Amino acid sequence: MSIHHITGVVGAPDCGAEITVARGENVTIEVTVTDSDGNPYSLSGATGWLTIKADAASAALIELDTSGAEGAITDAAGGVFEVYILPASLAALEGAYVYDAWVQTSGDDRHRVVKSTLITVVVPITSIP
């Protein structure tokens, strides 16, 4: 399993971190959301979203959110959410893609917290049936 930690900022979505994952692995992407002063942004009652596309104008290849089994708000007061990418979701992917992350508050405010950033899917040497 690979775990990737990313910081997102409400009101200043020019942050992001390039990620490389291997096809066939379980991937956890943890997003820590802050305000523009670096303080934790409360995710109480919020939903976190992460989408992967071939490019910004393409249809989504993977869409994950924290409302079900594909993610969770793991520390609402600390502004932390996680999304989980299962091996089957990466099975047909290889190469460079883009992702971004959003937060939707309980009051329906929507904030892009991670800009469109590169995620690369590589084919591993070892293949586990």
Protein backbone atom coordinates (compact mmCIF):
# COMPACT_ATOMS: atom_id res chain seq x y z
CA MET A 1 0.00 0.00 0.00
CA SER A 2 1.24 3.47 -0.75
CA ILE A 3 0.18 6.51 1.27
CA HIS A 4 0.57 9.99 -0.20
CA HIS A 5 0.23 13.13 1.97
CA ILE A 6 -0.92 16.36 0.33
CA THR A 7 -1.72 19.79 1.77
CA GLY A 8 -4.61 21.76 0.26
CA VAL A 9 -5.52 25.38 1.02
CA VAL A 10 -9.01 26.89 1.00
CA GLY A 11 -8.93 30.15 -0.93
CA ALA A 12 -5.48 29.54 -2.43
CA PRO A 13 -5.69 26.34 -4.49
CA ASP A 14 -2.24 26.53 -6.03
CA CYS A 15 -0.84 23.67 -4.03
CA GLY A 16 -0.48 20.09 -5.02
CA ALA A 17 2.03 17.29 -5.00
CA GLU A 18 3.00 15.04 -7.88
CA ILE A 19 2.20 11.41 -7.11
CA THR A 20 3.51 8.17 -8.63
CA VAL A 21 1.60 4.95 -7.98
CA ALA A 22 2.05 1.40 -9.23
CA ARG A 23 -0.72 -0.42 -11.03
CA GLY A 24 -2.10 -3.16 -8.77
CA GLU A 25 -1.42 -1.50 -5.41
CA ASN A 26 -3.81 -0.12 -2.82
CA VAL A 27 -3.34 3.64 -2.66
CA THR A 28 -4.35 6.04 0.09
CA ILE A 29 -4.22 9.76 -0.63
CA GLU A 30 -4.43 11.88 2.52
CA VAL A 31 -5.34 15.54 2.06
CA THR A 32 -4.79 18.02 4.89
CA VAL A 33 -6.85 21.17 4.30
CA THR A 34 -5.83 24.50 5.82
CA ASP A 35 -6.95 28.09 5.56
CA SER A 36 -4.70 30.68 3.90
CA ASP A 37 -2.93 31.27 7.26
CA GLY A 38 -1.98 27.59 7.58
CA ASN A 39 -4.54 26.78 10.28
CA PRO A 40 -6.55 23.53 10.01
CA TYR A 41 -9.81 24.00 8.08
CA SER A 42 -12.66 22.23 9.85
CA LEU A 43 -14.20 19.46 7.78
CA SER A 44 -17.03 18.83 10.22
CA GLY A 45 -20.02 17.85 8.08
CA ALA A 46 -17.98 18.30 4.89
CA THR A 47 -17.26 15.97 1.97
CA GLY A 48 -13.85 15.62 0.37
CA TRP A 49 -13.52 14.82 -3.35
CA LEU A 50 -10.63 13.70 -5.54
CA THR A 51 -10.90 13.18 -9.31
CA ILE A 52 -8.40 11.72 -11.78
CA LYS A 53 -8.61 12.50 -15.51
CA ALA A 54 -6.45 12.04 -18.60
CA ASP A 55 -6.35 15.86 -18.84
CA ALA A 56 -8.40 18.70 -17.37
CA ALA A 57 -10.93 18.66 -20.25
CA SER A 58 -11.52 14.88 -20.26
CA ALA A 59 -14.17 12.83 -18.52
CA ALA A 60 -13.28 11.52 -15.08
CA LEU A 61 -11.48 8.18 -14.97
CA ILE A 62 -11.66 7.88 -11.19
CA GLU A 63 -13.94 9.89 -8.88
CA LEU A 64 -13.64 9.39 -5.13
CA ASP A 65 -15.34 11.06 -2.19
CA THR A 66 -15.60 10.69 1.55
CA SER A 67 -19.32 9.90 1.69
CA GLY A 68 -18.86 6.13 1.30
CA ALA A 69 -16.33 3.30 1.42
CA GLU A 70 -13.93 5.05 -0.99
CA GLY A 71 -12.89 7.70 1.52
CA ALA A 72 -13.31 9.21 4.96
CA ILE A 73 -12.94 12.39 6.95
CA THR A 74 -10.26 11.07 9.32
CA ASP A 75 -9.73 14.22 11.43
CA ALA A 76 -12.50 16.78 10.95
CA ALA A 77 -11.04 19.35 13.38
CA GLY A 78 -7.58 18.91 11.85
CA GLY A 79 -8.90 19.26 8.28
CA VAL A 80 -7.83 15.78 7.15
CA PHE A 81 -9.57 13.47 4.70
CA GLU A 82 -8.45 10.34 2.87
CA VAL A 83 -9.51 8.67 -0.36
CA TYR A 84 -8.72 5.08 -1.26
CA ILE A 85 -7.87 3.85 -4.75
CA LEU A 86 -8.29 0.10 -5.15
CA PRO A 87 -6.11 -1.96 -7.53
CA ALA A 88 -9.03 -2.58 -9.91
CA SER A 89 -9.41 1.18 -10.46
CA LEU A 90 -5.83 1.40 -11.73
CA ALA A 91 -5.87 -1.82 -13.80
CA ALA A 92 -6.35 -0.13 -17.19
CA LEU A 93 -4.23 2.96 -16.48
CA GLU A 94 -0.62 3.61 -17.41
CA GLY A 95 1.17 6.91 -17.83
CA ALA A 96 0.51 10.49 -16.79
CA TYR A 97 -2.84 11.84 -15.63
CA VAL A 98 -4.04 14.84 -13.61
CA TYR A 99 -5.94 15.03 -10.34
CA ASP A 100 -7.42 17.71 -8.14
CA ALA A 101 -9.21 17.80 -4.80
CA TRP A 102 -12.24 19.71 -3.57
CA VAL A 103 -14.09 20.16 -0.31
CA GLN A 104 -17.84 20.71 -0.07
CA THR A 105 -18.96 22.08 3.31
CA SER A 106 -22.19 21.22 5.07
CA GLY A 107 -23.42 24.67 3.96
CA ASP A 108 -22.76 23.64 0.32
CA ASP A 109 -19.73 25.94 -0.11
CA ARG A 110 -17.29 24.36 -2.57
CA HIS A 111 -13.55 24.92 -2.48
CA ARG A 112 -10.87 23.54 -4.79
CA VAL A 113 -8.07 22.79 -2.34
CA VAL A 114 -5.55 21.07 -4.63
CA LYS A 115 -4.91 22.35 -8.15
CA SER A 116 -4.69 20.10 -11.20
CA THR A 117 -1.53 18.14 -10.48
CA LEU A 118 0.27 15.22 -12.10
CA ILE A 119 -0.35 11.63 -11.03
CA THR A 120 1.63 8.93 -12.81
CA VAL A 121 0.64 5.26 -12.93
CA VAL A 122 3.57 2.91 -13.56
CA VAL A 123 3.55 -0.80 -14.39
CA PRO A 124 5.41 -2.72 -11.70
CA ILE A 125 7.95 -5.45 -12.37
CA THR A 126 6.19 -7.91 -10.06
CA SER A 127 2.68 -8.99 -10.96
CA ILE A 128 0.57 -10.60 -8.24
CA PRO A 129 -2.34 -12.65 -9.65
